[in-house]
Amino acid sequence: MRGFVQILKKKKELIPLIGFMAFAATGATTASLYFLFTKTDVVINKTGNPEPWERVDPSKPQKLITINQQWKPIEELQAVKNMQK
């Protein structure tokens, strides 16, 4: 750690680069954890829920930003789904 600080003292132009890289790494980690714990399309345990798309609420937006989302069921898919039950 001491050598790292000495390098930064000699080459001060690296400080903003390290700051931006730390900010990007923190943002990527935060976004990954957010999507992992809040979104239904991210699955950790596939044995407990092999078909997670069956539990997705169509009225709840799944994207980060959703503009004018309107959902209506597709009749052909509903008919196939009812035949499989």
C-alpha atoms as a PDB file:
ATOM      1  CA  MET A   1       0.000   0.000   0.000  1.00  0.00           C
ATOM      2  CA  ARG A   2       2.866   2.333   0.785  1.00  0.00           C
ATOM      3  CA  GLY A   3       4.312   1.856  -2.707  1.00  0.00           C
ATOM      4  CA  PHE A   4       0.945   2.681  -4.252  1.00  0.00           C
ATOM      5  CA  VAL A   5       0.764   5.972  -2.356  1.00  0.00           C
ATOM      6  CA  GLN A   6       4.308   6.838  -3.408  1.00  0.00           C
ATOM      7  CA  ILE A   7       3.439   6.219  -7.048  1.00  0.00           C
ATOM      8  CA  LEU A   8       0.435   8.543  -6.687  1.00  0.00           C
ATOM      9  CA  LYS A   9       2.643  11.233  -5.148  1.00  0.00           C
ATOM     10  CA  LYS A  10       5.029  11.009  -8.103  1.00  0.00           C
ATOM     11  CA  LYS A  11       2.365  10.787 -10.812  1.00  0.00           C
ATOM     12  CA  LYS A  12      -0.527  12.977  -9.703  1.00  0.00           C
ATOM     13  CA  GLU A  13      -2.267  12.642 -13.068  1.00  0.00           C
ATOM     14  CA  LEU A  14      -3.293   9.087 -12.094  1.00  0.00           C
ATOM     15  CA  ILE A  15      -5.520  10.294  -9.217  1.00  0.00           C
ATOM     16  CA  PRO A  16      -8.556  11.242 -11.398  1.00  0.00           C
ATOM     17  CA  LEU A  17      -8.211   8.004 -13.364  1.00  0.00           C
ATOM     18  CA  ILE A  18      -8.256   5.934 -10.180  1.00  0.00           C
ATOM     19  CA  GLY A  19     -11.224   7.966  -8.924  1.00  0.00           C
ATOM     20  CA  PHE A  20     -13.226   7.343 -12.095  1.00  0.00           C
ATOM     21  CA  MET A  21     -12.365   3.644 -12.079  1.00  0.00           C
ATOM     22  CA  ALA A  22     -13.428   3.318  -8.428  1.00  0.00           C
ATOM     23  CA  PHE A  23     -16.691   5.153  -9.200  1.00  0.00           C
ATOM     24  CA  ALA A  24     -17.385   2.861 -12.179  1.00  0.00           C
ATOM     25  CA  ALA A  25     -16.629  -0.291 -10.178  1.00  0.00           C
ATOM     26  CA  THR A  26     -18.882   0.864  -7.344  1.00  0.00           C
ATOM     27  CA  GLY A  27     -21.690   1.687  -9.788  1.00  0.00           C
ATOM     28  CA  ALA A  28     -21.420  -1.675 -11.539  1.00  0.00           C
ATOM     29  CA  THR A  29     -21.477  -3.540  -8.241  1.00  0.00           C
ATOM     30  CA  THR A  30     -24.433  -1.526  -6.971  1.00  0.00           C
ATOM     31  CA  ALA A  31     -26.416  -2.048 -10.189  1.00  0.00           C
ATOM     32  CA  SER A  32     -25.694  -5.785 -10.143  1.00  0.00           C
ATOM     33  CA  LEU A  33     -26.903  -6.129  -6.564  1.00  0.00           C
ATOM     34  CA  TYR A  34     -29.978  -4.007  -7.285  1.00  0.00           C
ATOM     35  CA  PHE A  35     -31.029  -6.187 -10.219  1.00  0.00           C
ATOM     36  CA  LEU A  36     -30.184  -9.381  -8.338  1.00  0.00           C
ATOM     37  CA  PHE A  37     -32.421  -8.604  -5.379  1.00  0.00           C
ATOM     38  CA  THR A  38     -35.284  -6.617  -6.966  1.00  0.00           C
ATOM     39  CA  LYS A  39     -35.929  -8.027 -10.433  1.00  0.00           C
ATOM     40  CA  THR A  40     -37.894 -11.229 -10.976  1.00  0.00           C
ATOM     41  CA  ASP A  41     -36.123 -12.228 -14.194  1.00  0.00           C
ATOM     42  CA  VAL A  42     -32.812 -12.789 -12.372  1.00  0.00           C
ATOM     43  CA  VAL A  43     -32.704 -16.332 -10.972  1.00  0.00           C
ATOM     44  CA  ILE A  44     -30.144 -17.673  -8.535  1.00  0.00           C
ATOM     45  CA  ASN A  45     -31.786 -20.998  -7.618  1.00  0.00           C
ATOM     46  CA  LYS A  46     -32.946 -22.747 -10.781  1.00  0.00           C
ATOM     47  CA  THR A  47     -33.846 -25.996  -8.996  1.00  0.00           C
ATOM     48  CA  GLY A  48     -36.394 -24.294  -6.731  1.00  0.00           C
ATOM     49  CA  ASN A  49     -38.006 -22.363  -9.576  1.00  0.00           C
ATOM     50  CA  PRO A  50     -37.255 -23.934 -12.977  1.00  0.00           C
ATOM     51  CA  GLU A  51     -39.704 -21.667 -14.859  1.00  0.00           C
ATOM     52  CA  PRO A  52     -39.387 -18.188 -13.324  1.00  0.00           C
ATOM     53  CA  TRP A  53     -41.136 -16.474 -16.237  1.00  0.00           C
ATOM     54  CA  GLU A  54     -44.424 -18.033 -15.101  1.00  0.00           C
ATOM     55  CA  ARG A  55     -44.400 -15.886 -11.944  1.00  0.00           C
ATOM     56  CA  VAL A  56     -43.663 -12.542 -13.613  1.00  0.00           C
ATOM     57  CA  ASP A  57     -46.419 -10.002 -12.987  1.00  0.00           C
ATOM     58  CA  PRO A  58     -47.237  -8.447 -16.387  1.00  0.00           C
ATOM     59  CA  SER A  59     -48.582  -5.270 -14.818  1.00  0.00           C
ATOM     60  CA  LYS A  60     -45.252  -4.577 -13.047  1.00  0.00           C
ATOM     61  CA  PRO A  61     -42.594  -3.009 -15.314  1.00  0.00           C
ATOM     62  CA  GLN A  62     -39.441  -5.109 -15.634  1.00  0.00           C
ATOM     63  CA  LYS A  63     -37.175  -2.502 -17.201  1.00  0.00           C
ATOM     64  CA  LEU A  64     -35.233   0.217 -15.448  1.00  0.00           C
ATOM     65  CA  ILE A  65     -37.271   2.834 -17.325  1.00  0.00           C
ATOM     66  CA  THR A  66     -40.636   1.981 -18.862  1.00  0.00           C
ATOM     67  CA  ILE A  67     -42.529   4.493 -20.977  1.00  0.00           C
ATOM     68  CA  ASN A  68     -46.170   3.873 -21.989  1.00  0.00           C
ATOM     69  CA  GLN A  69     -46.174   0.141 -21.291  1.00  0.00           C
ATOM     70  CA  GLN A  70     -49.468  -1.517 -22.080  1.00  0.00           C
ATOM     71  CA  TRP A  71     -49.857  -5.236 -21.580  1.00  0.00           C
ATOM     72  CA  LYS A  72     -52.508  -7.440 -23.064  1.00  0.00           C
ATOM     73  CA  PRO A  73     -52.419 -11.225 -23.228  1.00  0.00           C
ATOM     74  CA  ILE A  74     -51.691 -12.967 -26.522  1.00  0.00           C
ATOM     75  CA  GLU A  75     -54.568 -15.326 -27.193  1.00  0.00           C
ATOM     76  CA  GLU A  76     -52.480 -18.022 -28.887  1.00  0.00           C
ATOM     77  CA  LEU A  77     -50.043 -18.196 -25.988  1.00  0.00           C
ATOM     78  CA  GLN A  78     -52.876 -18.342 -23.469  1.00  0.00           C
ATOM     79  CA  ALA A  79     -54.464 -21.219 -25.398  1.00  0.00           C
ATOM     80  CA  VAL A  80     -51.174 -23.155 -25.429  1.00  0.00           C
ATOM     81  CA  LYS A  81     -50.659 -22.454 -21.736  1.00  0.00           C
ATOM     82  CA  ASN A  82     -54.149 -23.721 -20.916  1.00  0.00           C
ATOM     83  CA  MET A  83     -53.586 -26.877 -22.992  1.00  0.00           C
ATOM     84  CA  GLN A  84     -50.398 -27.698 -21.063  1.00  0.00           C
ATOM     85  CA  LYS A  85     -52.105 -27.572 -17.659  1.00  0.00           C
END
